[in-house]
Amino acid sequence: MGEEMKQVPLEFICRYERTAEVCRAAIEEDGWQLEHVPEEVKTPGLCRRALDTGADLGNEHLGLLHYIPFPDVCLDVLKECHESGMTDIYEVATAIRAEVMNDAIADYLLPIDGIFLSILPVHLQTQERVKLAVETSGTFAIERGGVPKSLLTPEVYVGCAAHSWQSFAMIPWAERSPEVCLMAKTLFPEMLEKRPELVPESVENGCNVYSLCKMMEARTGEKFTYQQMTDFYNGKPLNVHRMEMPDGVQKDKAVKFDKEKQDFSFSAIRQERKRGLRM
C-alpha cells in the first residue's frame, strides 16, 4: 500500500474548486489553510476547527484571528486568552480585523485595559467608551493616538487626571485646564506641592476654579472635594466653619461666590428640620 495522499494546499487550487468539503479537508491538516478559504465558504465551526488544528505552533496560531470574519468566535478566543492569562491579550486583539470588531468586543476589552481604545475602529469609539477607557487606564488610553479629537473633551482630560498622578503628568500641556489641575490638587495635593511646575502659569495666576480652591483652603483651613469646589465656583453655596476675610472673620456661614463679580456673599447656614414619621 502506498502512503496516504495528502491534501493539496488550497493556495494551489483554483478558487472555484475550493468547496466546503475541500476546505474542510485542508483545515483538518493545517489550520493555517484558513487564510486561503473563500469568505463565503467560512463558517464559525470551520474557523474554530482551524484554531484547533493550527495550535501546534503555540500562541502564534492566534494570528489566525485575522482570517476569521465572525465576531463571536473572536470574542470567545479573547475571553479564553484573558482567563488563562497565558497570552498577551493586546497582541491577540490586534489580530482581529477592524471590520470584524463589534460592540460586544469593544465592551469586553475596554474594562480590561483602556489602551484597547486605540485599536477600535472609529465607529466604535463613542464618547462613553472614551470616558470608560480613561477611567480604566487614564492618559495611557489615548496617548497612542487614533482617537478623534472631537471625542477628547475637557471632561475626558479631567477623567485622566482622576485616574492617577502619573496620568495627570502625561496630559498635554495645552489640555491642563483649571478643572484638570483642580482634580489633581484635590486627589494628589502632596505630589502637586512637590511639582508645582506641572500647573500652567495661566491656571496658577488666573481667576478660575483652581485658584479659587487655593484661596478657599488658605482662608478656611479646610480641604474641599472636586465636586464641592466646582459647584461652589458655579454659584452653589458652600458651608464653612471659619473663613478669614479682609474685614474680619466669618464663622459658621454659607458662602456664595459670584464668578462674574469675583466676590463673596455670606448668609446663615440653614438648618433642616427633621420630621418624624406619623403612624
C-alpha atoms as a PDB file:
ATOM      1  CA  MET A   1       0.000   0.000   0.000  1.00  0.00           C
ATOM      2  CA  GLY A   2       1.301   3.468  -0.814  1.00  0.00           C
ATOM      3  CA  GLU A   3       1.364   6.335   1.574  1.00  0.00           C
ATOM      4  CA  GLU A   4      -1.932   8.162   2.105  1.00  0.00           C
ATOM      5  CA  MET A   5      -2.216  11.077  -0.294  1.00  0.00           C
ATOM      6  CA  LYS A   6      -2.048  14.452   1.446  1.00  0.00           C
ATOM      7  CA  GLN A   7      -4.435  17.321   0.759  1.00  0.00           C
ATOM      8  CA  VAL A   8      -3.143  19.777  -1.835  1.00  0.00           C
ATOM      9  CA  PRO A   9      -2.685  23.209  -0.205  1.00  0.00           C
ATOM     10  CA  LEU A  10      -5.594  25.499  -1.017  1.00  0.00           C
ATOM     11  CA  GLU A  11      -3.357  28.172  -2.462  1.00  0.00           C
ATOM     12  CA  PHE A  12      -2.577  25.794  -5.353  1.00  0.00           C
ATOM     13  CA  ILE A  13      -6.243  25.051  -6.047  1.00  0.00           C
ATOM     14  CA  CYS A  14      -8.393  27.269  -8.258  1.00  0.00           C
ATOM     15  CA  ARG A  15     -10.699  29.393  -6.204  1.00  0.00           C
ATOM     16  CA  TYR A  16     -13.896  27.997  -7.721  1.00  0.00           C
ATOM     17  CA  GLU A  17     -12.740  24.491  -6.753  1.00  0.00           C
ATOM     18  CA  ARG A  18     -12.293  25.410  -3.089  1.00  0.00           C
ATOM     19  CA  THR A  19     -15.558  23.893  -1.998  1.00  0.00           C
ATOM     20  CA  ALA A  20     -16.699  23.454   1.599  1.00  0.00           C
ATOM     21  CA  GLU A  21     -15.593  19.804   1.513  1.00  0.00           C
ATOM     22  CA  VAL A  22     -12.145  20.605   0.066  1.00  0.00           C
ATOM     23  CA  CYS A  23     -11.609  23.423   2.546  1.00  0.00           C
ATOM     24  CA  ARG A  24     -12.672  21.267   5.459  1.00  0.00           C
ATOM     25  CA  ALA A  25     -10.135  18.619   4.495  1.00  0.00           C
ATOM     26  CA  ALA A  26      -7.401  21.244   4.195  1.00  0.00           C
ATOM     27  CA  ILE A  27      -8.230  22.696   7.613  1.00  0.00           C
ATOM     28  CA  GLU A  28      -8.059  19.248   9.198  1.00  0.00           C
ATOM     29  CA  GLU A  29      -4.444  19.002   8.066  1.00  0.00           C
ATOM     30  CA  ASP A  30      -3.406  22.578   8.782  1.00  0.00           C
ATOM     31  CA  GLY A  31      -5.446  25.302  10.435  1.00  0.00           C
ATOM     32  CA  TRP A  32      -3.398  27.964   8.684  1.00  0.00           C
ATOM     33  CA  GLN A  33      -5.099  26.979   5.442  1.00  0.00           C
ATOM     34  CA  LEU A  34      -7.931  29.184   6.651  1.00  0.00           C
ATOM     35  CA  GLU A  35      -6.053  32.061   5.021  1.00  0.00           C
ATOM     36  CA  HIS A  36      -6.940  30.638   1.604  1.00  0.00           C
ATOM     37  CA  VAL A  37     -10.547  29.641   2.339  1.00  0.00           C
ATOM     38  CA  PRO A  38     -13.017  31.858   0.434  1.00  0.00           C
ATOM     39  CA  GLU A  39     -15.032  34.092   2.751  1.00  0.00           C
ATOM     40  CA  GLU A  40     -18.329  32.645   1.553  1.00  0.00           C
ATOM     41  CA  VAL A  41     -17.182  29.145   2.491  1.00  0.00           C
ATOM     42  CA  LYS A  42     -16.107  30.017   6.026  1.00  0.00           C
ATOM     43  CA  THR A  43     -18.386  29.082   8.912  1.00  0.00           C
ATOM     44  CA  PRO A  44     -17.964  29.575  12.673  1.00  0.00           C
ATOM     45  CA  GLY A  45     -17.420  25.829  13.041  1.00  0.00           C
ATOM     46  CA  LEU A  46     -14.740  25.743  10.345  1.00  0.00           C
ATOM     47  CA  CYS A  47     -12.928  28.685  11.951  1.00  0.00           C
ATOM     48  CA  ARG A  48     -12.998  27.073  15.378  1.00  0.00           C
ATOM     49  CA  ARG A  49     -11.559  23.909  13.892  1.00  0.00           C
ATOM     50  CA  ALA A  50      -8.799  25.919  12.221  1.00  0.00           C
ATOM     51  CA  LEU A  51      -7.841  27.314  15.617  1.00  0.00           C
ATOM     52  CA  ASP A  52      -7.654  23.775  16.993  1.00  0.00           C
ATOM     53  CA  THR A  53      -5.545  22.319  14.190  1.00  0.00           C
ATOM     54  CA  GLY A  54      -3.301  25.359  13.958  1.00  0.00           C
ATOM     55  CA  ALA A  55      -2.399  25.166  17.645  1.00  0.00           C
ATOM     56  CA  ASP A  56       0.778  23.157  17.093  1.00  0.00           C
ATOM     57  CA  LEU A  57       2.658  26.455  16.665  1.00  0.00           C
ATOM     58  CA  GLY A  58       1.738  27.602  20.161  1.00  0.00           C
ATOM     59  CA  ASN A  59       0.348  31.077  20.716  1.00  0.00           C
ATOM     60  CA  GLU A  60       1.368  32.094  17.207  1.00  0.00           C
ATOM     61  CA  HIS A  61      -1.728  30.350  15.914  1.00  0.00           C
ATOM     62  CA  LEU A  62      -3.768  33.202  17.352  1.00  0.00           C
ATOM     63  CA  GLY A  63      -2.722  35.166  14.284  1.00  0.00           C
ATOM     64  CA  LEU A  64      -5.418  33.073  12.613  1.00  0.00           C
ATOM     65  CA  LEU A  65      -7.911  35.530  14.056  1.00  0.00           C
ATOM     66  CA  HIS A  66      -7.012  37.813  11.173  1.00  0.00           C
ATOM     67  CA  TYR A  67      -8.733  35.367   8.825  1.00  0.00           C
ATOM     68  CA  ILE A  68     -11.858  34.862  10.952  1.00  0.00           C
ATOM     69  CA  PRO A  69     -14.843  37.040   9.967  1.00  0.00           C
ATOM     70  CA  PHE A  70     -17.086  36.073  12.905  1.00  0.00           C
ATOM     71  CA  PRO A  71     -17.107  38.396  15.948  1.00  0.00           C
ATOM     72  CA  ASP A  72     -18.478  35.712  18.258  1.00  0.00           C
ATOM     73  CA  VAL A  73     -15.589  33.365  17.500  1.00  0.00           C
ATOM     74  CA  CYS A  74     -13.037  36.119  18.013  1.00  0.00           C
ATOM     75  CA  LEU A  75     -14.663  37.164  21.290  1.00  0.00           C
ATOM     76  CA  ASP A  76     -14.523  33.590  22.586  1.00  0.00           C
ATOM     77  CA  VAL A  77     -10.800  33.458  21.819  1.00  0.00           C
ATOM     78  CA  LEU A  78     -10.246  36.774  23.607  1.00  0.00           C
ATOM     79  CA  LYS A  79     -12.074  35.523  26.684  1.00  0.00           C
ATOM     80  CA  GLU A  80     -10.150  32.273  26.705  1.00  0.00           C
ATOM     81  CA  CYS A  81      -6.815  34.073  26.429  1.00  0.00           C
ATOM     82  CA  HIS A  82      -7.684  36.590  29.120  1.00  0.00           C
ATOM     83  CA  GLU A  83      -8.965  33.989  31.559  1.00  0.00           C
ATOM     84  CA  SER A  84      -5.940  31.740  31.075  1.00  0.00           C
ATOM     85  CA  GLY A  85      -3.510  34.652  31.428  1.00  0.00           C
ATOM     86  CA  MET A  86      -1.002  32.824  29.245  1.00  0.00           C
ATOM     87  CA  THR A  87      -1.151  35.157  26.246  1.00  0.00           C
ATOM     88  CA  ASP A  88      -0.831  38.901  25.757  1.00  0.00           C
ATOM     89  CA  ILE A  89      -4.448  39.762  25.045  1.00  0.00           C
ATOM     90  CA  TYR A  90      -3.453  43.029  23.343  1.00  0.00           C
ATOM     91  CA  GLU A  91      -1.452  41.069  20.781  1.00  0.00           C
ATOM     92  CA  VAL A  92      -4.431  38.782  20.258  1.00  0.00           C
ATOM     93  CA  ALA A  93      -6.855  41.676  19.829  1.00  0.00           C
ATOM     94  CA  THR A  94      -4.678  43.402  17.224  1.00  0.00           C
ATOM     95  CA  ALA A  95      -5.006  40.304  15.031  1.00  0.00           C
ATOM     96  CA  ILE A  96      -8.757  40.878  14.666  1.00  0.00           C
ATOM     97  CA  ARG A  97      -9.719  42.770  11.522  1.00  0.00           C
ATOM     98  CA  ALA A  98     -11.284  46.189  12.068  1.00  0.00           C
ATOM     99  CA  GLU A  99     -14.443  45.259  10.171  1.00  0.00           C
ATOM    100  CA  VAL A 100     -14.965  42.271  12.470  1.00  0.00           C
ATOM    101  CA  MET A 101     -14.790  44.323  15.663  1.00  0.00           C
ATOM    102  CA  ASN A 102     -18.217  44.974  17.159  1.00  0.00           C
ATOM    103  CA  ASP A 103     -19.846  46.435  20.266  1.00  0.00           C
ATOM    104  CA  ALA A 104     -19.518  43.208  22.248  1.00  0.00           C
ATOM    105  CA  ILE A 105     -15.755  43.017  21.628  1.00  0.00           C
ATOM    106  CA  ALA A 106     -15.270  46.709  22.451  1.00  0.00           C
ATOM    107  CA  ASP A 107     -17.266  46.460  25.667  1.00  0.00           C
ATOM    108  CA  TYR A 108     -15.313  43.382  26.720  1.00  0.00           C
ATOM    109  CA  LEU A 109     -11.861  44.855  26.089  1.00  0.00           C
ATOM    110  CA  LEU A 110     -12.091  48.388  27.491  1.00  0.00           C
ATOM    111  CA  PRO A 111     -12.766  47.460  31.142  1.00  0.00           C
ATOM    112  CA  ILE A 112      -9.658  45.245  30.975  1.00  0.00           C
ATOM    113  CA  ASP A 113      -7.383  47.990  29.653  1.00  0.00           C
ATOM    114  CA  GLY A 114      -8.200  51.356  28.138  1.00  0.00           C
ATOM    115  CA  ILE A 115      -5.348  51.067  25.636  1.00  0.00           C
ATOM    116  CA  PHE A 116      -7.639  48.875  23.522  1.00  0.00           C
ATOM    117  CA  LEU A 117      -9.389  52.100  22.546  1.00  0.00           C
ATOM    118  CA  SER A 118      -6.608  52.782  20.029  1.00  0.00           C
ATOM    119  CA  ILE A 119      -7.301  49.599  18.055  1.00  0.00           C
ATOM    120  CA  LEU A 120     -11.059  50.048  17.844  1.00  0.00           C
ATOM    121  CA  PRO A 121     -12.393  51.311  14.517  1.00  0.00           C
ATOM    122  CA  VAL A 122     -13.668  54.883  14.653  1.00  0.00           C
ATOM    123  CA  HIS A 123     -17.335  53.904  14.516  1.00  0.00           C
ATOM    124  CA  LEU A 124     -16.916  52.048  17.831  1.00  0.00           C
ATOM    125  CA  GLN A 125     -15.143  54.940  19.552  1.00  0.00           C
ATOM    126  CA  THR A 126     -18.037  56.655  21.299  1.00  0.00           C
ATOM    127  CA  GLN A 127     -17.861  59.347  23.977  1.00  0.00           C
ATOM    128  CA  GLU A 128     -18.970  56.820  26.583  1.00  0.00           C
ATOM    129  CA  ARG A 129     -16.229  54.368  25.598  1.00  0.00           C
ATOM    130  CA  VAL A 130     -13.554  57.058  25.644  1.00  0.00           C
ATOM    131  CA  LYS A 131     -14.613  58.001  29.180  1.00  0.00           C
ATOM    132  CA  LEU A 132     -14.537  54.338  30.208  1.00  0.00           C
ATOM    133  CA  ALA A 133     -11.090  53.903  28.677  1.00  0.00           C
ATOM    134  CA  VAL A 134      -9.558  56.802  30.612  1.00  0.00           C
ATOM    135  CA  GLU A 135     -11.339  55.673  33.761  1.00  0.00           C
ATOM    136  CA  THR A 136      -9.628  52.308  33.312  1.00  0.00           C
ATOM    137  CA  SER A 137      -6.192  53.469  32.152  1.00  0.00           C
ATOM    138  CA  GLY A 138      -6.031  57.257  32.305  1.00  0.00           C
ATOM    139  CA  THR A 139      -3.946  59.118  29.723  1.00  0.00           C
ATOM    140  CA  PHE A 140      -2.331  55.813  28.716  1.00  0.00           C
ATOM    141  CA  ALA A 141      -5.597  55.017  26.893  1.00  0.00           C
ATOM    142  CA  ILE A 142      -5.315  57.957  24.493  1.00  0.00           C
ATOM    143  CA  GLU A 143      -1.581  58.580  24.183  1.00  0.00           C
ATOM    144  CA  ARG A 144      -1.267  56.105  21.308  1.00  0.00           C
ATOM    145  CA  GLY A 145      -3.425  58.246  19.047  1.00  0.00           C
ATOM    146  CA  GLY A 146      -6.158  57.003  16.771  1.00  0.00           C
ATOM    147  CA  VAL A 147      -8.942  58.723  18.731  1.00  0.00           C
ATOM    148  CA  PRO A 148     -10.832  61.564  17.011  1.00  0.00           C
ATOM    149  CA  LYS A 149     -10.033  64.923  18.602  1.00  0.00           C
ATOM    150  CA  SER A 150     -13.753  65.650  18.819  1.00  0.00           C
ATOM    151  CA  LEU A 151     -14.001  62.918  21.471  1.00  0.00           C
ATOM    152  CA  LEU A 152     -11.117  64.265  23.570  1.00  0.00           C
ATOM    153  CA  THR A 153     -13.234  66.732  25.508  1.00  0.00           C
ATOM    154  CA  PRO A 154     -12.179  68.687  28.622  1.00  0.00           C
ATOM    155  CA  GLU A 155     -14.178  66.178  30.666  1.00  0.00           C
ATOM    156  CA  VAL A 156     -12.044  63.353  29.262  1.00  0.00           C
ATOM    157  CA  TYR A 157      -8.866  65.053  30.444  1.00  0.00           C
ATOM    158  CA  VAL A 158     -10.408  65.612  33.874  1.00  0.00           C
ATOM    159  CA  GLY A 159     -11.009  61.851  33.900  1.00  0.00           C
ATOM    160  CA  CYS A 160      -7.342  61.315  33.027  1.00  0.00           C
ATOM    161  CA  ALA A 161      -6.306  63.459  35.987  1.00  0.00           C
ATOM    162  CA  ALA A 162      -8.632  61.478  38.253  1.00  0.00           C
ATOM    163  CA  HIS A 163      -7.017  58.185  37.276  1.00  0.00           C
ATOM    164  CA  SER A 164      -3.565  58.655  38.805  1.00  0.00           C
ATOM    165  CA  TRP A 165      -0.771  61.128  39.381  1.00  0.00           C
ATOM    166  CA  GLN A 166       1.222  59.621  36.510  1.00  0.00           C
ATOM    167  CA  SER A 167      -1.766  60.039  34.218  1.00  0.00           C
ATOM    168  CA  PHE A 168      -2.106  63.717  35.169  1.00  0.00           C
ATOM    169  CA  ALA A 169       1.596  64.318  34.490  1.00  0.00           C
ATOM    170  CA  MET A 170       1.147  62.879  30.972  1.00  0.00           C
ATOM    171  CA  ILE A 171      -1.707  65.192  29.977  1.00  0.00           C
ATOM    172  CA  PRO A 172      -0.628  67.528  27.136  1.00  0.00           C
ATOM    173  CA  TRP A 173       0.272  70.995  28.380  1.00  0.00           C
ATOM    174  CA  ALA A 174      -2.454  72.676  26.335  1.00  0.00           C
ATOM    175  CA  GLU A 175      -5.092  70.437  27.933  1.00  0.00           C
ATOM    176  CA  ARG A 176      -4.194  71.219  31.562  1.00  0.00           C
ATOM    177  CA  SER A 177      -7.249  73.316  32.236  1.00  0.00           C
ATOM    178  CA  PRO A 178      -8.188  74.735  35.657  1.00  0.00           C
ATOM    179  CA  GLU A 179     -10.558  71.794  36.101  1.00  0.00           C
ATOM    180  CA  VAL A 180      -7.831  69.264  35.259  1.00  0.00           C
ATOM    181  CA  CYS A 181      -5.428  70.914  37.724  1.00  0.00           C
ATOM    182  CA  LEU A 182      -8.161  71.114  40.358  1.00  0.00           C
ATOM    183  CA  MET A 183      -8.723  67.370  40.095  1.00  0.00           C
ATOM    184  CA  ALA A 184      -5.005  66.750  40.591  1.00  0.00           C
ATOM    185  CA  LYS A 185      -4.921  69.162  43.539  1.00  0.00           C
ATOM    186  CA  THR A 186      -7.847  67.539  45.346  1.00  0.00           C
ATOM    187  CA  LEU A 187      -6.593  63.977  44.792  1.00  0.00           C
ATOM    188  CA  PHE A 188      -2.815  64.369  44.953  1.00  0.00           C
ATOM    189  CA  PRO A 189      -2.113  67.537  46.980  1.00  0.00           C
ATOM    190  CA  GLU A 190       1.257  66.367  48.321  1.00  0.00           C
ATOM    191  CA  MET A 191       2.526  65.464  44.865  1.00  0.00           C
ATOM    192  CA  LEU A 192       1.400  68.771  43.392  1.00  0.00           C
ATOM    193  CA  GLU A 193       3.148  70.656  46.180  1.00  0.00           C
ATOM    194  CA  LYS A 194       6.367  68.899  45.177  1.00  0.00           C
ATOM    195  CA  ARG A 195       5.821  69.529  41.455  1.00  0.00           C
ATOM    196  CA  PRO A 196       4.057  72.919  41.201  1.00  0.00           C
ATOM    197  CA  GLU A 197       5.616  73.483  37.766  1.00  0.00           C
ATOM    198  CA  LEU A 198       3.118  70.978  36.343  1.00  0.00           C
ATOM    199  CA  VAL A 199       0.392  73.596  36.670  1.00  0.00           C
ATOM    200  CA  PRO A 200       0.453  76.168  33.826  1.00  0.00           C
ATOM    201  CA  GLU A 201       1.133  79.735  34.937  1.00  0.00           C
ATOM    202  CA  SER A 202      -2.101  80.877  33.314  1.00  0.00           C
ATOM    203  CA  VAL A 203      -4.022  78.476  35.575  1.00  0.00           C
ATOM    204  CA  GLU A 204      -1.989  79.266  38.693  1.00  0.00           C
ATOM    205  CA  ASN A 205      -2.422  83.034  38.376  1.00  0.00           C
ATOM    206  CA  GLY A 206      -5.791  83.256  36.648  1.00  0.00           C
ATOM    207  CA  CYS A 207      -9.273  83.737  38.098  1.00  0.00           C
ATOM    208  CA  ASN A 208     -10.630  80.214  37.840  1.00  0.00           C
ATOM    209  CA  VAL A 209     -11.848  77.246  39.840  1.00  0.00           C
ATOM    210  CA  TYR A 210      -8.301  76.101  40.631  1.00  0.00           C
ATOM    211  CA  SER A 211      -7.124  79.439  42.044  1.00  0.00           C
ATOM    212  CA  LEU A 212     -10.433  79.763  43.901  1.00  0.00           C
ATOM    213  CA  CYS A 213      -9.805  76.416  45.576  1.00  0.00           C
ATOM    214  CA  LYS A 214      -6.363  77.539  46.735  1.00  0.00           C
ATOM    215  CA  MET A 215      -7.827  80.763  48.115  1.00  0.00           C
ATOM    216  CA  MET A 216     -10.624  78.956  49.954  1.00  0.00           C
ATOM    217  CA  GLU A 217      -8.258  76.440  51.505  1.00  0.00           C
ATOM    218  CA  ALA A 218      -5.965  79.251  52.674  1.00  0.00           C
ATOM    219  CA  ARG A 219      -8.823  81.287  54.167  1.00  0.00           C
ATOM    220  CA  THR A 220     -10.743  78.416  55.761  1.00  0.00           C
ATOM    221  CA  GLY A 221      -8.050  75.886  56.628  1.00  0.00           C
ATOM    222  CA  GLU A 222     -10.308  73.206  55.134  1.00  0.00           C
ATOM    223  CA  LYS A 223      -9.910  70.795  52.221  1.00  0.00           C
ATOM    224  CA  PHE A 224     -12.574  70.511  49.565  1.00  0.00           C
ATOM    225  CA  THR A 225     -13.504  67.872  47.017  1.00  0.00           C
ATOM    226  CA  TYR A 226     -13.521  68.459  43.282  1.00  0.00           C
ATOM    227  CA  GLN A 227     -17.325  68.415  43.210  1.00  0.00           C
ATOM    228  CA  GLN A 228     -17.657  70.816  46.149  1.00  0.00           C
ATOM    229  CA  MET A 229     -15.370  73.339  44.524  1.00  0.00           C
ATOM    230  CA  THR A 230     -16.851  73.135  41.012  1.00  0.00           C
ATOM    231  CA  ASP A 231     -20.348  73.535  42.483  1.00  0.00           C
ATOM    232  CA  PHE A 232     -19.142  76.493  44.562  1.00  0.00           C
ATOM    233  CA  TYR A 233     -17.469  78.104  41.541  1.00  0.00           C
ATOM    234  CA  ASN A 234     -20.730  77.789  39.610  1.00  0.00           C
ATOM    235  CA  GLY A 235     -22.811  79.518  42.302  1.00  0.00           C
ATOM    236  CA  LYS A 236     -23.820  76.848  44.810  1.00  0.00           C
ATOM    237  CA  PRO A 237     -23.402  77.966  48.464  1.00  0.00           C
ATOM    238  CA  LEU A 238     -20.660  76.275  50.488  1.00  0.00           C
ATOM    239  CA  ASN A 239     -20.881  75.839  54.248  1.00  0.00           C
ATOM    240  CA  VAL A 240     -17.693  76.826  56.072  1.00  0.00           C
ATOM    241  CA  HIS A 241     -16.831  76.788  59.777  1.00  0.00           C
ATOM    242  CA  ARG A 242     -14.495  79.732  59.617  1.00  0.00           C
ATOM    243  CA  MET A 243     -13.339  81.997  56.795  1.00  0.00           C
ATOM    244  CA  GLU A 244     -10.912  84.897  57.042  1.00  0.00           C
ATOM    245  CA  MET A 245     -11.890  87.996  55.082  1.00  0.00           C
ATOM    246  CA  PRO A 246     -10.198  91.419  54.808  1.00  0.00           C
ATOM    247  CA  ASP A 247     -12.905  92.941  57.011  1.00  0.00           C
ATOM    248  CA  GLY A 248     -12.973  90.176  59.613  1.00  0.00           C
ATOM    249  CA  VAL A 249     -13.673  86.504  60.224  1.00  0.00           C
ATOM    250  CA  GLN A 250     -16.921  84.846  59.161  1.00  0.00           C
ATOM    251  CA  LYS A 251     -17.946  81.844  61.285  1.00  0.00           C
ATOM    252  CA  ASP A 252     -20.411  79.047  60.526  1.00  0.00           C
ATOM    253  CA  LYS A 253     -21.724  80.663  57.381  1.00  0.00           C
ATOM    254  CA  ALA A 254     -22.925  79.637  53.934  1.00  0.00           C
ATOM    255  CA  VAL A 255     -20.689  81.443  51.474  1.00  0.00           C
ATOM    256  CA  LYS A 256     -21.591  82.034  47.843  1.00  0.00           C
ATOM    257  CA  PHE A 257     -19.165  83.019  45.084  1.00  0.00           C
ATOM    258  CA  ASP A 258     -20.098  85.278  42.186  1.00  0.00           C
ATOM    259  CA  LYS A 259     -17.609  84.498  39.411  1.00  0.00           C
ATOM    260  CA  GLU A 260     -18.671  87.493  37.341  1.00  0.00           C
ATOM    261  CA  LYS A 261     -18.054  89.965  40.160  1.00  0.00           C
ATOM    262  CA  GLN A 262     -15.298  87.829  41.721  1.00  0.00           C
ATOM    263  CA  ASP A 263     -16.892  88.432  45.089  1.00  0.00           C
ATOM    264  CA  PHE A 264     -18.271  86.524  48.088  1.00  0.00           C
ATOM    265  CA  SER A 265     -21.545  86.842  49.961  1.00  0.00           C
ATOM    266  CA  PHE A 266     -22.441  85.269  53.288  1.00  0.00           C
ATOM    267  CA  SER A 267     -25.618  84.047  54.892  1.00  0.00           C
ATOM    268  CA  ALA A 268     -26.628  81.987  57.909  1.00  0.00           C
ATOM    269  CA  ILE A 269     -26.479  78.236  57.438  1.00  0.00           C
ATOM    270  CA  ARG A 270     -29.980  76.873  57.066  1.00  0.00           C
ATOM    271  CA  GLN A 271     -30.756  74.075  59.496  1.00  0.00           C
ATOM    272  CA  GLU A 272     -33.021  71.439  58.020  1.00  0.00           C
ATOM    273  CA  ARG A 273     -35.778  70.317  60.369  1.00  0.00           C
ATOM    274  CA  LYS A 274     -36.147  66.610  60.903  1.00  0.00           C
ATOM    275  CA  ARG A 275     -39.697  65.445  60.553  1.00  0.00           C
ATOM    276  CA  GLY A 276     -40.861  62.416  62.444  1.00  0.00           C
ATOM    277  CA  LEU A 277     -42.903  59.731  60.708  1.00  0.00           C
ATOM    278  CA  ARG A 278     -46.542  59.604  61.653  1.00  0.00           C
ATOM    279  CA  MET A 279     -48.082  56.203  62.167  1.00  0.00           C
END
